[in-house]
Amino acid sequence: MMQYPEIMIRPMREELTRLGVEELKTAEEVDKVVGESKGTLMVVVNSICGCAAGKARPGVALALEHNPRPDKITTVFAGGDIEATERARSYFTGYQPSSPSIALLKDGKLVYMLERYQIEGKFPQQIAQELTRAFDEHCVN
């Protein structure tokens, strides 16, 4: 996996962190958050690609206006935080690596996955709608 210079990806990171999304930059941070998570945890695998910029990140922002929403929301950056991304993906059993992607875990177990191929052809509003359906099913007010 290619690693991008921080100066290139910082603005893309900030699109999520300014929404209160916690950034996980190491494998240890991922293990700690997943291991200690009670309730629902959303993990956004962010990336430098156009579908992350024009679809996934804006879709996440729209979805986070919804209630219910996950108890904790985190992100890893593919191509920026390689070990953290690989560790996060290790929790997404049954799915191939995909960037961007969005996972929802409940008590540390994967319950929902939105992969790149499900993001590419959609508008941000459609992605938000998919996510809010998952929130309604798996999250508690």
N, C-alpha and C. Protein backbone atom coordinates (compact mmCIF):
# COMPACT_ATOMS: atom_id res chain seq x y z
N MET A 1 0.85 -1.17 0.00
CA MET A 1 0.00 0.00 0.00
C MET A 1 0.89 1.24 0.00
N MET A 2 0.54 2.20 -0.84
CA MET A 2 1.31 3.44 -0.94
C MET A 2 0.99 4.35 0.24
N GLN A 3 2.01 5.00 0.78
CA GLN A 3 1.81 5.96 1.87
C GLN A 3 1.95 7.36 1.31
N TYR A 4 0.93 8.19 1.55
CA TYR A 4 0.91 9.56 1.06
C TYR A 4 1.50 10.50 2.10
N PRO A 5 2.13 11.60 1.66
CA PRO A 5 2.65 12.60 2.60
C PRO A 5 1.51 13.24 3.39
N GLU A 6 1.76 13.51 4.64
CA GLU A 6 0.74 14.08 5.53
C GLU A 6 0.15 15.37 4.98
N ILE A 7 0.96 16.19 4.35
CA ILE A 7 0.46 17.47 3.82
C ILE A 7 -0.65 17.26 2.78
N MET A 8 -0.60 16.15 2.08
CA MET A 8 -1.63 15.84 1.07
C MET A 8 -2.93 15.38 1.71
N ILE A 9 -2.83 14.63 2.79
CA ILE A 9 -4.04 14.01 3.33
C ILE A 9 -4.65 14.77 4.51
N ARG A 10 -3.93 15.71 5.08
CA ARG A 10 -4.46 16.44 6.25
C ARG A 10 -5.84 17.03 5.99
N PRO A 11 -6.08 17.75 4.88
CA PRO A 11 -7.43 18.30 4.66
C PRO A 11 -8.51 17.21 4.58
N MET A 12 -8.15 16.04 4.04
CA MET A 12 -9.11 14.94 3.93
C MET A 12 -9.41 14.33 5.29
N ARG A 13 -8.40 14.32 6.16
CA ARG A 13 -8.61 13.85 7.53
C ARG A 13 -9.57 14.80 8.25
N GLU A 14 -9.32 16.11 8.07
CA GLU A 14 -10.06 17.13 8.79
C GLU A 14 -11.54 17.18 8.41
N GLU A 15 -11.89 16.70 7.22
CA GLU A 15 -13.30 16.66 6.85
C GLU A 15 -14.10 15.81 7.83
N LEU A 16 -13.47 14.79 8.39
CA LEU A 16 -14.15 13.94 9.36
C LEU A 16 -13.88 14.37 10.80
N THR A 17 -12.64 14.73 11.10
CA THR A 17 -12.32 15.07 12.49
C THR A 17 -13.05 16.33 12.96
N ARG A 18 -13.32 17.25 12.06
CA ARG A 18 -14.05 18.45 12.48
C ARG A 18 -15.50 18.13 12.83
N LEU A 19 -15.97 16.94 12.44
CA LEU A 19 -17.31 16.47 12.81
C LEU A 19 -17.31 15.73 14.14
N GLY A 20 -16.12 15.62 14.75
CA GLY A 20 -16.01 14.90 16.01
C GLY A 20 -15.63 13.44 15.86
N VAL A 21 -15.27 13.04 14.65
CA VAL A 21 -14.85 11.66 14.41
C VAL A 21 -13.43 11.49 14.95
N GLU A 22 -13.22 10.45 15.74
CA GLU A 22 -11.91 10.19 16.34
C GLU A 22 -11.01 9.48 15.36
N GLU A 23 -9.83 10.04 15.16
CA GLU A 23 -8.86 9.44 14.25
C GLU A 23 -8.01 8.41 15.00
N LEU A 24 -7.88 7.24 14.39
CA LEU A 24 -7.03 6.18 14.94
C LEU A 24 -5.85 6.03 14.01
N LYS A 25 -4.64 6.25 14.54
CA LYS A 25 -3.45 6.27 13.69
C LYS A 25 -2.54 5.08 13.88
N THR A 26 -2.80 4.25 14.88
CA THR A 26 -1.96 3.07 15.12
C THR A 26 -2.82 1.83 15.29
N ALA A 27 -2.21 0.69 15.08
CA ALA A 27 -2.91 -0.58 15.29
C ALA A 27 -3.33 -0.71 16.75
N GLU A 28 -2.50 -0.24 17.66
CA GLU A 28 -2.82 -0.31 19.09
C GLU A 28 -4.05 0.52 19.42
N GLU A 29 -4.16 1.70 18.82
CA GLU A 29 -5.35 2.53 19.05
C GLU A 29 -6.61 1.82 18.55
N VAL A 30 -6.51 1.19 17.39
CA VAL A 30 -7.66 0.46 16.84
C VAL A 30 -8.06 -0.67 17.80
N ASP A 31 -7.09 -1.47 18.23
CA ASP A 31 -7.39 -2.58 19.15
C ASP A 31 -8.02 -2.08 20.44
N LYS A 32 -7.51 -0.99 20.97
CA LYS A 32 -8.04 -0.44 22.22
C LYS A 32 -9.49 0.00 22.05
N VAL A 33 -9.77 0.75 21.00
CA VAL A 33 -11.13 1.26 20.78
C VAL A 33 -12.09 0.10 20.52
N VAL A 34 -11.72 -0.82 19.67
CA VAL A 34 -12.62 -1.95 19.37
C VAL A 34 -12.79 -2.82 20.61
N GLY A 35 -11.69 -3.08 21.30
CA GLY A 35 -11.74 -3.93 22.49
C GLY A 35 -12.57 -3.36 23.62
N GLU A 36 -12.57 -2.05 23.74
CA GLU A 36 -13.30 -1.39 24.83
C GLU A 36 -14.69 -0.94 24.41
N SER A 37 -15.04 -1.11 23.13
CA SER A 37 -16.31 -0.55 22.66
C SER A 37 -17.50 -1.34 23.20
N LYS A 38 -18.42 -0.60 23.75
CA LYS A 38 -19.71 -1.13 24.18
C LYS A 38 -20.73 -0.39 23.35
N GLY A 39 -21.68 -1.10 22.81
CA GLY A 39 -22.64 -0.46 21.93
C GLY A 39 -22.11 -0.44 20.52
N THR A 40 -22.44 0.61 19.78
CA THR A 40 -22.08 0.66 18.36
C THR A 40 -20.88 1.55 18.11
N LEU A 41 -20.05 1.08 17.21
CA LEU A 41 -18.83 1.76 16.79
C LEU A 41 -18.81 1.81 15.27
N MET A 42 -18.70 3.00 14.71
CA MET A 42 -18.56 3.14 13.26
C MET A 42 -17.10 3.42 12.96
N VAL A 43 -16.57 2.70 11.98
CA VAL A 43 -15.19 2.90 11.52
C VAL A 43 -15.24 3.28 10.05
N VAL A 44 -14.78 4.48 9.74
CA VAL A 44 -14.72 4.95 8.36
C VAL A 44 -13.29 4.74 7.87
N VAL A 45 -13.14 3.95 6.82
CA VAL A 45 -11.85 3.81 6.17
C VAL A 45 -11.80 4.92 5.11
N ASN A 46 -11.13 5.99 5.46
CA ASN A 46 -11.02 7.17 4.61
C ASN A 46 -9.92 6.94 3.59
N SER A 47 -9.96 7.67 2.48
CA SER A 47 -8.90 7.55 1.48
C SER A 47 -8.81 8.82 0.65
N ILE A 48 -7.81 8.82 -0.21
CA ILE A 48 -7.51 9.98 -1.03
C ILE A 48 -8.33 10.00 -2.33
N CYS A 49 -9.03 8.93 -2.62
CA CYS A 49 -9.72 8.81 -3.91
C CYS A 49 -10.91 9.75 -4.03
N GLY A 50 -11.34 9.96 -5.23
CA GLY A 50 -12.46 10.85 -5.51
C GLY A 50 -13.77 10.42 -4.90
N CYS A 51 -14.02 9.11 -4.83
CA CYS A 51 -15.30 8.68 -4.26
C CYS A 51 -15.33 8.88 -2.75
N ALA A 52 -14.17 8.96 -2.10
CA ALA A 52 -14.14 9.32 -0.68
C ALA A 52 -14.47 10.80 -0.53
N ALA A 53 -13.87 11.61 -1.41
CA ALA A 53 -14.05 13.07 -1.32
C ALA A 53 -15.45 13.51 -1.70
N GLY A 54 -15.98 12.99 -2.79
CA GLY A 54 -17.25 13.47 -3.30
C GLY A 54 -18.46 12.70 -2.85
N LYS A 55 -18.24 11.55 -2.22
CA LYS A 55 -19.36 10.70 -1.86
C LYS A 55 -19.33 10.25 -0.40
N ALA A 56 -18.27 9.53 -0.01
CA ALA A 56 -18.24 8.91 1.31
C ALA A 56 -18.20 9.94 2.45
N ARG A 57 -17.22 10.84 2.43
CA ARG A 57 -17.12 11.80 3.53
C ARG A 57 -18.35 12.70 3.63
N PRO A 58 -18.86 13.26 2.51
CA PRO A 58 -20.10 14.04 2.63
C PRO A 58 -21.29 13.18 3.08
N GLY A 59 -21.33 11.92 2.65
CA GLY A 59 -22.40 11.03 3.09
C GLY A 59 -22.35 10.76 4.57
N VAL A 60 -21.15 10.56 5.10
CA VAL A 60 -20.98 10.37 6.55
C VAL A 60 -21.44 11.63 7.29
N ALA A 61 -21.04 12.80 6.80
CA ALA A 61 -21.42 14.05 7.46
C ALA A 61 -22.94 14.18 7.53
N LEU A 62 -23.62 13.87 6.45
CA LEU A 62 -25.09 13.93 6.44
C LEU A 62 -25.69 12.90 7.40
N ALA A 63 -25.16 11.70 7.39
CA ALA A 63 -25.69 10.64 8.24
C ALA A 63 -25.53 10.97 9.72
N LEU A 64 -24.48 11.69 10.08
CA LEU A 64 -24.24 12.00 11.49
C LEU A 64 -25.23 13.03 12.04
N GLU A 65 -26.04 13.62 11.17
CA GLU A 65 -27.11 14.52 11.62
C GLU A 65 -28.31 13.72 12.12
N HIS A 66 -28.32 12.42 11.87
CA HIS A 66 -29.44 11.53 12.17
C HIS A 66 -29.38 11.03 13.61
N ASN A 67 -30.55 10.73 14.15
CA ASN A 67 -30.65 10.06 15.43
C ASN A 67 -31.56 8.87 15.26
N PRO A 68 -31.19 7.68 15.67
CA PRO A 68 -29.99 7.37 16.44
C PRO A 68 -28.75 7.38 15.55
N ARG A 69 -27.62 7.38 16.22
CA ARG A 69 -26.33 7.29 15.54
C ARG A 69 -25.41 6.44 16.41
N PRO A 70 -24.27 6.01 15.85
CA PRO A 70 -23.37 5.15 16.63
C PRO A 70 -22.90 5.83 17.92
N ASP A 71 -22.60 5.00 18.92
CA ASP A 71 -22.11 5.50 20.19
C ASP A 71 -20.73 6.13 20.03
N LYS A 72 -19.93 5.59 19.14
CA LYS A 72 -18.57 6.09 18.91
C LYS A 72 -18.30 6.04 17.41
N ILE A 73 -17.62 7.07 16.91
CA ILE A 73 -17.34 7.16 15.48
C ILE A 73 -15.84 7.41 15.32
N THR A 74 -15.20 6.55 14.52
CA THR A 74 -13.76 6.63 14.34
C THR A 74 -13.42 6.56 12.85
N THR A 75 -12.16 6.86 12.56
CA THR A 75 -11.68 6.76 11.19
C THR A 75 -10.21 6.34 11.17
N VAL A 76 -9.86 5.63 10.13
CA VAL A 76 -8.47 5.33 9.78
C VAL A 76 -8.27 5.83 8.36
N PHE A 77 -7.03 6.14 7.99
CA PHE A 77 -6.78 6.67 6.65
C PHE A 77 -5.92 5.69 5.86
N ALA A 78 -6.53 5.07 4.86
CA ALA A 78 -5.80 4.17 3.97
C ALA A 78 -4.78 5.00 3.21
N GLY A 79 -3.55 4.55 3.17
CA GLY A 79 -2.50 5.30 2.50
C GLY A 79 -1.85 6.33 3.39
N GLY A 80 -2.36 6.47 4.61
CA GLY A 80 -1.77 7.40 5.57
C GLY A 80 -1.35 6.69 6.83
N ASP A 81 -2.27 5.92 7.37
CA ASP A 81 -2.02 5.17 8.60
C ASP A 81 -2.18 3.69 8.27
N ILE A 82 -1.17 3.15 7.63
CA ILE A 82 -1.26 1.82 7.04
C ILE A 82 -1.52 0.74 8.08
N GLU A 83 -0.76 0.74 9.18
CA GLU A 83 -0.96 -0.30 10.19
C GLU A 83 -2.34 -0.20 10.84
N ALA A 84 -2.79 1.01 11.12
CA ALA A 84 -4.12 1.19 11.71
C ALA A 84 -5.20 0.70 10.75
N THR A 85 -5.03 1.01 9.47
CA THR A 85 -6.01 0.59 8.48
C THR A 85 -6.05 -0.93 8.36
N GLU A 86 -4.88 -1.54 8.31
CA GLU A 86 -4.84 -3.01 8.23
C GLU A 86 -5.48 -3.65 9.46
N ARG A 87 -5.22 -3.08 10.63
CA ARG A 87 -5.81 -3.64 11.85
C ARG A 87 -7.33 -3.46 11.85
N ALA A 88 -7.80 -2.28 11.46
CA ALA A 88 -9.25 -2.06 11.39
C ALA A 88 -9.88 -3.07 10.45
N ARG A 89 -9.27 -3.28 9.30
CA ARG A 89 -9.82 -4.22 8.33
C ARG A 89 -9.82 -5.65 8.86
N SER A 90 -8.94 -5.96 9.79
CA SER A 90 -8.92 -7.31 10.35
C SER A 90 -10.20 -7.61 11.14
N TYR A 91 -10.91 -6.58 11.55
CA TYR A 91 -12.18 -6.75 12.26
C TYR A 91 -13.35 -6.89 11.30
N PHE A 92 -13.12 -6.62 10.03
CA PHE A 92 -14.19 -6.67 9.02
C PHE A 92 -14.21 -8.05 8.36
N THR A 93 -14.40 -9.07 9.15
CA THR A 93 -14.33 -10.45 8.66
C THR A 93 -15.32 -10.71 7.54
N GLY A 94 -14.82 -11.41 6.53
CA GLY A 94 -15.66 -11.75 5.39
C GLY A 94 -15.65 -10.72 4.28
N TYR A 95 -14.90 -9.63 4.46
CA TYR A 95 -14.86 -8.57 3.45
C TYR A 95 -13.43 -8.33 3.01
N GLN A 96 -13.27 -8.07 1.73
CA GLN A 96 -11.96 -7.73 1.17
C GLN A 96 -11.63 -6.28 1.52
N PRO A 97 -10.34 -5.92 1.56
CA PRO A 97 -9.96 -4.53 1.80
C PRO A 97 -10.63 -3.61 0.77
N SER A 98 -11.15 -2.50 1.24
CA SER A 98 -11.89 -1.58 0.40
C SER A 98 -11.71 -0.17 0.95
N SER A 99 -11.36 0.76 0.06
CA SER A 99 -11.21 2.16 0.46
C SER A 99 -11.90 3.03 -0.57
N PRO A 100 -12.80 3.87 -0.15
CA PRO A 100 -13.31 4.00 1.20
C PRO A 100 -14.27 2.87 1.54
N SER A 101 -14.53 2.73 2.81
CA SER A 101 -15.55 1.80 3.29
C SER A 101 -15.98 2.27 4.67
N ILE A 102 -17.13 1.77 5.09
CA ILE A 102 -17.68 2.17 6.39
C ILE A 102 -18.23 0.92 7.07
N ALA A 103 -17.73 0.67 8.27
CA ALA A 103 -18.15 -0.50 9.03
C ALA A 103 -18.87 -0.07 10.30
N LEU A 104 -19.82 -0.89 10.70
CA LEU A 104 -20.51 -0.67 11.95
C LEU A 104 -20.34 -1.94 12.78
N LEU A 105 -19.76 -1.77 13.96
CA LEU A 105 -19.56 -2.89 14.87
C LEU A 105 -20.44 -2.69 16.09
N LYS A 106 -20.94 -3.78 16.63
CA LYS A 106 -21.74 -3.72 17.85
C LYS A 106 -21.07 -4.63 18.86
N ASP A 107 -20.66 -4.04 19.98
CA ASP A 107 -19.91 -4.77 21.01
C ASP A 107 -18.71 -5.50 20.40
N GLY A 108 -18.04 -4.83 19.46
CA GLY A 108 -16.82 -5.36 18.84
C GLY A 108 -17.03 -6.31 17.68
N LYS A 109 -18.28 -6.62 17.34
CA LYS A 109 -18.57 -7.56 16.24
C LYS A 109 -19.18 -6.80 15.06
N LEU A 110 -18.70 -7.12 13.87
CA LEU A 110 -19.18 -6.47 12.65
C LEU A 110 -20.66 -6.81 12.41
N VAL A 111 -21.48 -5.77 12.23
CA VAL A 111 -22.90 -5.98 11.95
C VAL A 111 -23.33 -5.34 10.62
N TYR A 112 -22.48 -4.47 10.05
CA TYR A 112 -22.85 -3.79 8.80
C TYR A 112 -21.58 -3.33 8.11
N MET A 113 -21.59 -3.43 6.78
CA MET A 113 -20.43 -2.99 6.00
C MET A 113 -20.91 -2.33 4.72
N LEU A 114 -20.37 -1.16 4.42
CA LEU A 114 -20.62 -0.45 3.17
C LEU A 114 -19.28 -0.39 2.46
N GLU A 115 -19.17 -1.09 1.34
CA GLU A 115 -17.90 -1.20 0.62
C GLU A 115 -17.82 -0.18 -0.51
N ARG A 116 -16.61 -0.03 -1.02
CA ARG A 116 -16.35 0.94 -2.09
C ARG A 116 -17.31 0.78 -3.27
N TYR A 117 -17.54 -0.45 -3.71
CA TYR A 117 -18.40 -0.64 -4.87
C TYR A 117 -19.84 -0.17 -4.59
N GLN A 118 -20.22 -0.10 -3.32
CA GLN A 118 -21.55 0.38 -2.94
C GLN A 118 -21.57 1.90 -2.77
N ILE A 119 -20.40 2.50 -2.77
CA ILE A 119 -20.26 3.95 -2.60
C ILE A 119 -20.07 4.64 -3.95
N GLU A 120 -19.29 4.02 -4.85
CA GLU A 120 -18.85 4.64 -6.10
C GLU A 120 -19.97 5.26 -6.93
N GLY A 121 -21.05 4.58 -7.14
CA GLY A 121 -22.10 5.06 -8.04
C GLY A 121 -23.21 5.84 -7.37
N LYS A 122 -22.99 6.27 -6.13
CA LYS A 122 -24.07 6.92 -5.38
C LYS A 122 -23.72 8.37 -5.06
N PHE A 123 -24.77 9.13 -4.77
CA PHE A 123 -24.62 10.51 -4.30
C PHE A 123 -24.48 10.49 -2.78
N PRO A 124 -23.92 11.54 -2.19
CA PRO A 124 -23.78 11.57 -0.73
C PRO A 124 -25.10 11.33 0.01
N GLN A 125 -26.19 11.87 -0.51
CA GLN A 125 -27.49 11.69 0.13
C GLN A 125 -27.89 10.21 0.16
N GLN A 126 -27.57 9.47 -0.90
CA GLN A 126 -27.88 8.04 -0.94
C GLN A 126 -27.03 7.26 0.05
N ILE A 127 -25.78 7.65 0.19
CA ILE A 127 -24.89 7.01 1.16
C ILE A 127 -25.40 7.29 2.57
N ALA A 128 -25.78 8.53 2.83
CA ALA A 128 -26.34 8.88 4.14
C ALA A 128 -27.59 8.06 4.42
N GLN A 129 -28.41 7.87 3.41
CA GLN A 129 -29.64 7.09 3.58
C GLN A 129 -29.30 5.63 3.93
N GLU A 130 -28.31 5.06 3.26
CA GLU A 130 -27.87 3.69 3.58
C GLU A 130 -27.38 3.62 5.03
N LEU A 131 -26.56 4.59 5.42
CA LEU A 131 -26.01 4.59 6.77
C LEU A 131 -27.10 4.78 7.82
N THR A 132 -28.02 5.69 7.57
CA THR A 132 -29.07 5.92 8.57
C THR A 132 -29.98 4.71 8.72
N ARG A 133 -30.17 3.94 7.66
CA ARG A 133 -30.92 2.67 7.78
C ARG A 133 -30.18 1.72 8.72
N ALA A 134 -28.86 1.65 8.56
CA ALA A 134 -28.05 0.81 9.45
C ALA A 134 -28.09 1.33 10.89
N PHE A 135 -28.06 2.66 11.05
CA PHE A 135 -28.15 3.25 12.39
C PHE A 135 -29.48 2.88 13.04
N ASP A 136 -30.57 3.02 12.26
CA ASP A 136 -31.89 2.70 12.79
C ASP A 136 -31.97 1.25 13.24
N GLU A 137 -31.31 0.37 12.51
CA GLU A 137 -31.36 -1.06 12.83
C GLU A 137 -30.45 -1.44 14.01
N HIS A 138 -29.28 -0.81 14.12
CA HIS A 138 -28.28 -1.27 15.07
C HIS A 138 -27.96 -0.33 16.23
N CYS A 139 -28.37 0.93 16.13
CA CYS A 139 -28.01 1.91 17.17
C CYS A 139 -29.22 2.21 18.05
N VAL A 140 -28.93 2.67 19.26
CA VAL A 140 -29.96 3.02 20.23
C VAL A 140 -29.88 4.51 20.48
N ASN A 141 -31.05 5.14 20.61
CA ASN A 141 -31.09 6.58 20.93
C ASN A 141 -30.41 6.86 22.24
